[in-house]
Structures are given as structure tokens and as C-alpha cells.
Amino acid sequence: MKKTWLWIDTMRRGPSSGPPLIERVIRIMNSDCHTAKVALIGHGNTLRYILATENLKVGDLVKTSNEIPKNPGKFFPCYSSYFLSMQSFF
């Protein structure tokens, strides 16, 4: 039985500064060698395969960036000091 091997881009490296790389989902398919679905995405002349999420559809835009955004949620500065004080009990 012949299987189709797809080279999946697991690193998904984007630009380190500036706007994120925006790619469009061209096709979603089942892979012979993976239990997950695989999406073919492209930008300009570049095409690559990524693992598709459950809600990913053809025509969706995927943004890739190396920058880590700030968390807009609540921040508890006493969180780490609480666990440091708990270590003395163990």
C-alpha cells in the first residue's frame, strides 16, 4: 500500500519584528500518515503544510509571528511569593 508523506512545518517561524505573516488556507485534507487533518497554507509563492485545528476552514487567514504578545489578563505579583512560602512546609 502506497502512502503519501507530507512535510509538515512544525516550527511555523514568522517575522521577528513588524507585522505578522498572514497566509490563507488553500486546502484541508486527511493525511495517510497522521491521525490529524493537514492544511495546505500559502503566502505569495510559498506553500507549506501545517496541522489543522478543529475549526480551521478553507479560506481562513492564519497569522504567524515570533513576537509574544502581552497578556491582557489579570496579573498577580504575589503569586510566586505565595508558593515560595509554601515550600518551607515540605
PDB file of N, CA and C in Angstrom:
ATOM      1  N   MET A   1       0.842  -1.170   0.000  1.00  0.00           N
ATOM      2  CA  MET A   1       0.000   0.000   0.000  1.00  0.00           C
ATOM      3  C   MET A   1       0.894   1.242   0.000  1.00  0.00           C
ATOM      4  N   LYS A   2       0.618   2.149  -0.905  1.00  0.00           N
ATOM      5  CA  LYS A   2       1.413   3.356  -1.027  1.00  0.00           C
ATOM      6  C   LYS A   2       0.795   4.476  -0.205  1.00  0.00           C
ATOM      7  N   LYS A   3       1.623   5.208   0.543  1.00  0.00           N
ATOM      8  CA  LYS A   3       1.165   6.323   1.364  1.00  0.00           C
ATOM      9  C   LYS A   3       1.836   7.608   0.909  1.00  0.00           C
ATOM     10  N   THR A   4       1.111   8.687   1.032  1.00  0.00           N
ATOM     11  CA  THR A   4       1.645  10.000   0.681  1.00  0.00           C
ATOM     12  C   THR A   4       2.224  10.641   1.931  1.00  0.00           C
ATOM     13  N   TRP A   5       3.517  10.949   1.893  1.00  0.00           N
ATOM     14  CA  TRP A   5       4.186  11.603   3.016  1.00  0.00           C
ATOM     15  C   TRP A   5       4.168  13.096   2.781  1.00  0.00           C
ATOM     16  N   LEU A   6       3.754  13.847   3.780  1.00  0.00           N
ATOM     17  CA  LEU A   6       3.721  15.306   3.698  1.00  0.00           C
ATOM     18  C   LEU A   6       4.728  15.882   4.684  1.00  0.00           C
ATOM     19  N   TRP A   7       5.497  16.840   4.237  1.00  0.00           N
ATOM     20  CA  TRP A   7       6.476  17.512   5.087  1.00  0.00           C
ATOM     21  C   TRP A   7       5.754  18.621   5.834  1.00  0.00           C
ATOM     22  N   ILE A   8       5.472  18.401   7.125  1.00  0.00           N
ATOM     23  CA  ILE A   8       4.682  19.340   7.913  1.00  0.00           C
ATOM     24  C   ILE A   8       5.603  20.328   8.623  1.00  0.00           C
ATOM     25  N   ASP A   9       5.282  21.601   8.490  1.00  0.00           N
ATOM     26  CA  ASP A   9       6.058  22.669   9.118  1.00  0.00           C
ATOM     27  C   ASP A   9       5.609  22.792  10.570  1.00  0.00           C
ATOM     28  N   THR A  10       6.376  22.232  11.489  1.00  0.00           N
ATOM     29  CA  THR A  10       6.002  22.256  12.898  1.00  0.00           C
ATOM     30  C   THR A  10       6.530  23.496  13.620  1.00  0.00           C
ATOM     31  N   MET A  11       7.535  24.161  13.073  1.00  0.00           N
ATOM     32  CA  MET A  11       8.115  25.331  13.747  1.00  0.00           C
ATOM     33  C   MET A  11       7.298  26.594  13.498  1.00  0.00           C
ATOM     34  N   ARG A  12       6.736  26.759  12.312  1.00  0.00           N
ATOM     35  CA  ARG A  12       5.932  27.924  11.941  1.00  0.00           C
ATOM     36  C   ARG A  12       6.616  29.229  12.298  1.00  0.00           C
ATOM     37  N   ARG A  13       7.794  29.436  11.776  1.00  0.00           N
ATOM     38  CA  ARG A  13       8.541  30.664  12.055  1.00  0.00           C
ATOM     39  C   ARG A  13       7.997  31.805  11.214  1.00  0.00           C
ATOM     40  N   GLY A  14       7.811  32.921  11.864  1.00  0.00           N
ATOM     41  CA  GLY A  14       7.331  34.125  11.194  1.00  0.00           C
ATOM     42  C   GLY A  14       8.352  35.234  11.334  1.00  0.00           C
ATOM     43  N   PRO A  15       7.989  36.439  10.931  1.00  0.00           N
ATOM     44  CA  PRO A  15       8.929  37.559  11.070  1.00  0.00           C
ATOM     45  C   PRO A  15       9.176  37.882  12.537  1.00  0.00           C
ATOM     46  N   SER A  16      10.423  38.220  12.872  1.00  0.00           N
ATOM     47  CA  SER A  16      10.777  38.503  14.264  1.00  0.00           C
ATOM     48  C   SER A  16      10.342  39.905  14.692  1.00  0.00           C
ATOM     49  N   SER A  17      10.122  40.789  13.744  1.00  0.00           N
ATOM     50  CA  SER A  17       9.630  42.125  14.076  1.00  0.00           C
ATOM     51  C   SER A  17       8.729  42.593  12.943  1.00  0.00           C
ATOM     52  N   GLY A  18       7.887  43.545  13.263  1.00  0.00           N
ATOM     53  CA  GLY A  18       6.974  44.054  12.258  1.00  0.00           C
ATOM     54  C   GLY A  18       5.661  43.290  12.244  1.00  0.00           C
ATOM     55  N   PRO A  19       4.891  43.466  11.175  1.00  0.00           N
ATOM     56  CA  PRO A  19       3.583  42.809  11.130  1.00  0.00           C
ATOM     57  C   PRO A  19       3.726  41.291  10.968  1.00  0.00           C
ATOM     58  N   PRO A  20       2.729  40.518  11.429  1.00  0.00           N
ATOM     59  CA  PRO A  20       2.813  39.067  11.308  1.00  0.00           C
ATOM     60  C   PRO A  20       2.635  38.610   9.858  1.00  0.00           C
ATOM     61  N   LEU A  21       3.091  37.410   9.573  1.00  0.00           N
ATOM     62  CA  LEU A  21       2.928  36.799   8.264  1.00  0.00           C
ATOM     63  C   LEU A  21       1.501  36.268   8.167  1.00  0.00           C
ATOM     64  N   ILE A  22       0.754  36.704   7.163  1.00  0.00           N
ATOM     65  CA  ILE A  22      -0.640  36.286   7.005  1.00  0.00           C
ATOM     66  C   ILE A  22      -0.727  35.358   5.802  1.00  0.00           C
ATOM     67  N   GLU A  23      -1.213  34.139   6.058  1.00  0.00           N
ATOM     68  CA  GLU A  23      -1.330  33.131   5.000  1.00  0.00           C
ATOM     69  C   GLU A  23      -2.771  32.652   4.918  1.00  0.00           C
ATOM     70  N   ARG A  24      -3.183  32.209   3.732  1.00  0.00           N
ATOM     71  CA  ARG A  24      -4.545  31.739   3.509  1.00  0.00           C
ATOM     72  C   ARG A  24      -4.563  30.219   3.425  1.00  0.00           C
ATOM     73  N   VAL A  25      -5.604  29.612   4.002  1.00  0.00           N
ATOM     74  CA  VAL A  25      -5.776  28.157   3.934  1.00  0.00           C
ATOM     75  C   VAL A  25      -6.308  27.810   2.547  1.00  0.00           C
ATOM     76  N   ILE A  26      -5.563  26.981   1.825  1.00  0.00           N
ATOM     77  CA  ILE A  26      -5.934  26.612   0.466  1.00  0.00           C
ATOM     78  C   ILE A  26      -6.728  25.303   0.452  1.00  0.00           C
ATOM     79  N   ARG A  27      -6.288  24.354   1.277  1.00  0.00           N
ATOM     80  CA  ARG A  27      -6.924  23.031   1.251  1.00  0.00           C
ATOM     81  C   ARG A  27      -6.743  22.345   2.591  1.00  0.00           C
ATOM     82  N   ILE A  28      -7.739  21.580   3.020  1.00  0.00           N
ATOM     83  CA  ILE A  28      -7.642  20.756   4.225  1.00  0.00           C
ATOM     84  C   ILE A  28      -7.884  19.316   3.803  1.00  0.00           C
ATOM     85  N   MET A  29      -7.001  18.423   4.240  1.00  0.00           N
ATOM     86  CA  MET A  29      -7.094  17.036   3.795  1.00  0.00           C
ATOM     87  C   MET A  29      -6.753  16.077   4.921  1.00  0.00           C
ATOM     88  N   ASN A  30      -7.148  14.839   4.754  1.00  0.00           N
ATOM     89  CA  ASN A  30      -6.745  13.773   5.671  1.00  0.00           C
ATOM     90  C   ASN A  30      -5.380  13.268   5.237  1.00  0.00           C
ATOM     91  N   SER A  31      -4.530  13.004   6.186  1.00  0.00           N
ATOM     92  CA  SER A  31      -3.193  12.508   5.888  1.00  0.00           C
ATOM     93  C   SER A  31      -3.160  10.997   6.065  1.00  0.00           C
ATOM     94  N   ASP A  32      -2.423  10.327   5.194  1.00  0.00           N
ATOM     95  CA  ASP A  32      -2.270   8.875   5.296  1.00  0.00           C
ATOM     96  C   ASP A  32      -1.399   8.484   6.485  1.00  0.00           C
ATOM     97  N   CYS A  33      -0.512   9.378   6.898  1.00  0.00           N
ATOM     98  CA  CYS A  33       0.479   9.048   7.918  1.00  0.00           C
ATOM     99  C   CYS A  33       0.208   9.713   9.265  1.00  0.00           C
ATOM    100  N   HIS A  34      -0.839  10.521   9.368  1.00  0.00           N
ATOM    101  CA  HIS A  34      -1.157  11.216  10.611  1.00  0.00           C
ATOM    102  C   HIS A  34      -2.628  11.000  10.936  1.00  0.00           C
ATOM    103  N   THR A  35      -2.958  11.033  12.214  1.00  0.00           N
ATOM    104  CA  THR A  35      -4.362  10.924  12.596  1.00  0.00           C
ATOM    105  C   THR A  35      -5.057  12.273  12.521  1.00  0.00           C
ATOM    106  N   ALA A  36      -4.300  13.353  12.519  1.00  0.00           N
ATOM    107  CA  ALA A  36      -4.871  14.700  12.434  1.00  0.00           C
ATOM    108  C   ALA A  36      -5.056  15.101  10.977  1.00  0.00           C
ATOM    109  N   LYS A  37      -5.876  16.113  10.770  1.00  0.00           N
ATOM    110  CA  LYS A  37      -6.031  16.672   9.430  1.00  0.00           C
ATOM    111  C   LYS A  37      -4.895  17.639   9.163  1.00  0.00           C
ATOM    112  N   VAL A  38      -4.564  17.801   7.890  1.00  0.00           N
ATOM    113  CA  VAL A  38      -3.448  18.640   7.472  1.00  0.00           C
ATOM    114  C   VAL A  38      -3.992  19.744   6.577  1.00  0.00           C
ATOM    115  N   ALA A  39      -3.510  20.972   6.785  1.00  0.00           N
ATOM    116  CA  ALA A  39      -3.948  22.114   5.982  1.00  0.00           C
ATOM    117  C   ALA A  39      -2.792  22.602   5.120  1.00  0.00           C
ATOM    118  N   LEU A  40      -3.090  22.879   3.863  1.00  0.00           N
ATOM    119  CA  LEU A  40      -2.126  23.496   2.959  1.00  0.00           C
ATOM    120  C   LEU A  40      -2.376  24.990   2.999  1.00  0.00           C
ATOM    121  N   ILE A  41      -1.361  25.759   3.424  1.00  0.00           N
ATOM    122  CA  ILE A  41      -1.490  27.209   3.505  1.00  0.00           C
ATOM    123  C   ILE A  41      -0.452  27.844   2.595  1.00  0.00           C
ATOM    124  N   GLY A  42      -0.731  29.061   2.157  1.00  0.00           N
ATOM    125  CA  GLY A  42       0.198  29.702   1.241  1.00  0.00           C
ATOM    126  C   GLY A  42       0.228  31.204   1.388  1.00  0.00           C
ATOM    127  N   HIS A  43       1.371  31.763   0.997  1.00  0.00           N
ATOM    128  CA  HIS A  43       1.600  33.208   1.013  1.00  0.00           C
ATOM    129  C   HIS A  43       2.552  33.512  -0.127  1.00  0.00           C
ATOM    130  N   GLY A  44       2.112  34.287  -1.104  1.00  0.00           N
ATOM    131  CA  GLY A  44       2.973  34.595  -2.244  1.00  0.00           C
ATOM    132  C   GLY A  44       3.281  33.334  -3.036  1.00  0.00           C
ATOM    133  N   ASN A  45       4.571  33.021  -3.187  1.00  0.00           N
ATOM    134  CA  ASN A  45       4.990  31.814  -3.901  1.00  0.00           C
ATOM    135  C   ASN A  45       5.289  30.658  -2.965  1.00  0.00           C
ATOM    136  N   THR A  46       5.023  30.812  -1.677  1.00  0.00           N
ATOM    137  CA  THR A  46       5.380  29.802  -0.681  1.00  0.00           C
ATOM    138  C   THR A  46       4.147  29.008  -0.265  1.00  0.00           C
ATOM    139  N   LEU A  47       4.256  27.690  -0.315  1.00  0.00           N
ATOM    140  CA  LEU A  47       3.219  26.788   0.165  1.00  0.00           C
ATOM    141  C   LEU A  47       3.821  25.895   1.239  1.00  0.00           C
ATOM    142  N   ARG A  48       3.031  25.579   2.273  1.00  0.00           N
ATOM    143  CA  ARG A  48       3.506  24.661   3.307  1.00  0.00           C
ATOM    144  C   ARG A  48       2.319  23.987   3.972  1.00  0.00           C
ATOM    145  N   TYR A  49       2.582  22.843   4.583  1.00  0.00           N
ATOM    146  CA  TYR A  49       1.565  22.081   5.290  1.00  0.00           C
ATOM    147  C   TYR A  49       1.704  22.311   6.789  1.00  0.00           C
ATOM    148  N   ILE A  50       0.560  22.483   7.472  1.00  0.00           N
ATOM    149  CA  ILE A  50       0.529  22.578   8.926  1.00  0.00           C
ATOM    150  C   ILE A  50      -0.567  21.640   9.429  1.00  0.00           C
ATOM    151  N   LEU A  51      -0.523  21.313  10.713  1.00  0.00           N
ATOM    152  CA  LEU A  51      -1.605  20.536  11.300  1.00  0.00           C
ATOM    153  C   LEU A  51      -2.820  21.446  11.461  1.00  0.00           C
ATOM    154  N   ALA A  52      -3.963  20.987  10.997  1.00  0.00           N
ATOM    155  CA  ALA A  52      -5.174  21.799  11.021  1.00  0.00           C
ATOM    156  C   ALA A  52      -5.855  21.692  12.376  1.00  0.00           C
ATOM    157  N   THR A  53      -6.350  22.818  12.855  1.00  0.00           N
ATOM    158  CA  THR A  53      -7.141  22.811  14.080  1.00  0.00           C
ATOM    159  C   THR A  53      -8.563  22.363  13.747  1.00  0.00           C
ATOM    160  N   GLU A  54      -9.346  22.163  14.778  1.00  0.00           N
ATOM    161  CA  GLU A  54     -10.703  21.641  14.582  1.00  0.00           C
ATOM    162  C   GLU A  54     -11.596  22.622  13.822  1.00  0.00           C
ATOM    163  N   ASN A  55     -11.431  23.920  14.051  1.00  0.00           N
ATOM    164  CA  ASN A  55     -12.308  24.926  13.451  1.00  0.00           C
ATOM    165  C   ASN A  55     -11.726  25.587  12.209  1.00  0.00           C
ATOM    166  N   LEU A  56     -10.601  25.133  11.719  1.00  0.00           N
ATOM    167  CA  LEU A  56      -9.969  25.737  10.551  1.00  0.00           C
ATOM    168  C   LEU A  56     -10.739  25.353   9.289  1.00  0.00           C
ATOM    169  N   LYS A  57     -11.024  26.354   8.442  1.00  0.00           N
ATOM    170  CA  LYS A  57     -11.766  26.119   7.206  1.00  0.00           C
ATOM    171  C   LYS A  57     -10.984  26.678   6.029  1.00  0.00           C
ATOM    172  N   VAL A  58     -11.322  26.225   4.838  1.00  0.00           N
ATOM    173  CA  VAL A  58     -10.697  26.730   3.618  1.00  0.00           C
ATOM    174  C   VAL A  58     -11.062  28.206   3.472  1.00  0.00           C
ATOM    175  N   GLY A  59     -10.061  29.027   3.195  1.00  0.00           N
ATOM    176  CA  GLY A  59     -10.258  30.464   3.048  1.00  0.00           C
ATOM    177  C   GLY A  59      -9.924  31.257   4.291  1.00  0.00           C
ATOM    178  N   ASP A  60      -9.734  30.601   5.434  1.00  0.00           N
ATOM    179  CA  ASP A  60      -9.360  31.300   6.668  1.00  0.00           C
ATOM    180  C   ASP A  60      -7.952  31.863   6.549  1.00  0.00           C
ATOM    181  N   LEU A  61      -7.680  32.906   7.317  1.00  0.00           N
ATOM    182  CA  LEU A  61      -6.350  33.501   7.356  1.00  0.00           C
ATOM    183  C   LEU A  61      -5.628  33.042   8.613  1.00  0.00           C
ATOM    184  N   VAL A  62      -4.356  32.676   8.459  1.00  0.00           N
ATOM    185  CA  VAL A  62      -3.525  32.217   9.571  1.00  0.00           C
ATOM    186  C   VAL A  62      -2.405  33.239   9.756  1.00  0.00           C
ATOM    187  N   LYS A  63      -2.286  33.792  10.969  1.00  0.00           N
ATOM    188  CA  LYS A  63      -1.232  34.763  11.267  1.00  0.00           C
ATOM    189  C   LYS A  63      -0.118  34.072  12.023  1.00  0.00           C
ATOM    190  N   THR A  64       1.124  34.307  11.596  1.00  0.00           N
ATOM    191  CA  THR A  64       2.289  33.716  12.238  1.00  0.00           C
ATOM    192  C   THR A  64       3.276  34.819  12.582  1.00  0.00           C
ATOM    193  N   SER A  65       3.745  34.822  13.834  1.00  0.00           N
ATOM    194  CA  SER A  65       4.696  35.832  14.279  1.00  0.00           C
ATOM    195  C   SER A  65       5.597  35.226  15.343  1.00  0.00           C
ATOM    196  N   ASN A  66       6.804  35.748  15.480  1.00  0.00           N
ATOM    197  CA  ASN A  66       7.725  35.303  16.526  1.00  0.00           C
ATOM    198  C   ASN A  66       7.594  36.131  17.795  1.00  0.00           C
ATOM    199  N   GLU A  67       6.816  37.209  17.748  1.00  0.00           N
ATOM    200  CA  GLU A  67       6.645  38.062  18.915  1.00  0.00           C
ATOM    201  C   GLU A  67       5.606  37.455  19.857  1.00  0.00           C
ATOM    202  N   ILE A  68       5.843  37.569  21.151  1.00  0.00           N
ATOM    203  CA  ILE A  68       4.894  37.092  22.141  1.00  0.00           C
ATOM    204  C   ILE A  68       4.123  38.303  22.657  1.00  0.00           C
ATOM    205  N   PRO A  69       2.791  38.338  22.459  1.00  0.00           N
ATOM    206  CA  PRO A  69       2.036  39.497  22.913  1.00  0.00           C
ATOM    207  C   PRO A  69       1.897  39.521  24.425  1.00  0.00           C
ATOM    208  N   LYS A  70       1.692  40.712  24.980  1.00  0.00           N
ATOM    209  CA  LYS A  70       1.464  40.828  26.410  1.00  0.00           C
ATOM    210  C   LYS A  70       0.106  40.240  26.748  1.00  0.00           C
ATOM    211  N   ASN A  71       0.013  39.612  27.888  1.00  0.00           N
ATOM    212  CA  ASN A  71      -1.239  39.034  28.346  1.00  0.00           C
ATOM    213  C   ASN A  71      -2.115  40.143  28.913  1.00  0.00           C
ATOM    214  N   PRO A  72      -3.285  40.386  28.312  1.00  0.00           N
ATOM    215  CA  PRO A  72      -4.122  41.468  28.827  1.00  0.00           C
ATOM    216  C   PRO A  72      -4.896  41.090  30.089  1.00  0.00           C
ATOM    217  N   GLY A  73      -4.759  39.861  30.554  1.00  0.00           N
ATOM    218  CA  GLY A  73      -5.491  39.402  31.730  1.00  0.00           C
ATOM    219  C   GLY A  73      -4.922  39.954  33.021  1.00  0.00           C
ATOM    220  N   LYS A  74      -5.463  39.487  34.126  1.00  0.00           N
ATOM    221  CA  LYS A  74      -5.018  39.954  35.434  1.00  0.00           C
ATOM    222  C   LYS A  74      -3.660  39.356  35.779  1.00  0.00           C
ATOM    223  N   PHE A  75      -2.871  40.113  36.479  1.00  0.00           N
ATOM    224  CA  PHE A  75      -1.539  39.668  36.889  1.00  0.00           C
ATOM    225  C   PHE A  75      -1.456  39.757  38.397  1.00  0.00           C
ATOM    226  N   PHE A  76      -1.070  38.668  39.026  1.00  0.00           N
ATOM    227  CA  PHE A  76      -0.963  38.623  40.472  1.00  0.00           C
ATOM    228  C   PHE A  76       0.505  38.576  40.868  1.00  0.00           C
ATOM    229  N   PRO A  77       1.101  39.687  41.286  1.00  0.00           N
ATOM    230  CA  PRO A  77       2.523  39.694  41.616  1.00  0.00           C
ATOM    231  C   PRO A  77       2.847  38.881  42.866  1.00  0.00           C
ATOM    232  N   CYS A  78       1.871  38.636  43.736  1.00  0.00           N
ATOM    233  CA  CYS A  78       2.155  37.888  44.959  1.00  0.00           C
ATOM    234  C   CYS A  78       2.058  36.379  44.732  1.00  0.00           C
ATOM    235  N   TYR A  79       1.763  35.960  43.527  1.00  0.00           N
ATOM    236  CA  TYR A  79       1.587  34.547  43.210  1.00  0.00           C
ATOM    237  C   TYR A  79       2.852  33.734  43.502  1.00  0.00           C
ATOM    238  N   SER A  80       4.000  34.211  43.027  1.00  0.00           N
ATOM    239  CA  SER A  80       5.243  33.462  43.220  1.00  0.00           C
ATOM    240  C   SER A  80       5.685  33.478  44.685  1.00  0.00           C
ATOM    241  N   SER A  81       5.479  34.588  45.378  1.00  0.00           N
ATOM    242  CA  SER A  81       5.895  34.636  46.780  1.00  0.00           C
ATOM    243  C   SER A  81       5.039  33.711  47.643  1.00  0.00           C
ATOM    244  N   TYR A  82       3.800  33.477  47.246  1.00  0.00           N
ATOM    245  CA  TYR A  82       2.934  32.552  47.973  1.00  0.00           C
ATOM    246  C   TYR A  82       3.490  31.130  47.904  1.00  0.00           C
ATOM    247  N   PHE A  83       3.899  30.703  46.701  1.00  0.00           N
ATOM    248  CA  PHE A  83       4.420  29.353  46.556  1.00  0.00           C
ATOM    249  C   PHE A  83       5.815  29.202  47.155  1.00  0.00           C
ATOM    250  N   LEU A  84       6.596  30.271  47.179  1.00  0.00           N
ATOM    251  CA  LEU A  84       7.898  30.204  47.823  1.00  0.00           C
ATOM    252  C   LEU A  84       7.736  30.004  49.326  1.00  0.00           C
ATOM    253  N   SER A  85       6.720  30.633  49.914  1.00  0.00           N
ATOM    254  CA  SER A  85       6.495  30.458  51.346  1.00  0.00           C
ATOM    255  C   SER A  85       5.918  29.076  51.642  1.00  0.00           C
ATOM    256  N   MET A  86       5.207  28.471  50.690  1.00  0.00           N
ATOM    257  CA  MET A  86       4.626  27.128  50.899  1.00  0.00           C
ATOM    258  C   MET A  86       5.701  26.047  50.863  1.00  0.00           C
ATOM    259  N   GLN A  87       6.846  26.312  50.220  1.00  0.00           N
ATOM    260  CA  GLN A  87       7.900  25.312  50.120  1.00  0.00           C
ATOM    261  C   GLN A  87       8.513  25.014  51.491  1.00  0.00           C
ATOM    262  N   SER A  88       8.419  25.936  52.412  1.00  0.00           N
ATOM    263  CA  SER A  88       9.010  25.704  53.710  1.00  0.00           C
ATOM    264  C   SER A  88       8.241  24.628  54.516  1.00  0.00           C
ATOM    265  N   PHE A  89       6.997  24.365  54.124  1.00  0.00           N
ATOM    266  CA  PHE A  89       6.213  23.333  54.794  1.00  0.00           C
ATOM    267  C   PHE A  89       6.580  21.924  54.339  1.00  0.00           C
ATOM    268  N   PHE A  90       7.213  21.790  53.199  1.00  0.00           N
ATOM    269  CA  PHE A  90       7.514  20.456  52.647  1.00  0.00           C
ATOM    270  C   PHE A  90       8.912  20.070  52.915  1.00  0.00           C
TER     271      PHE A  90
END
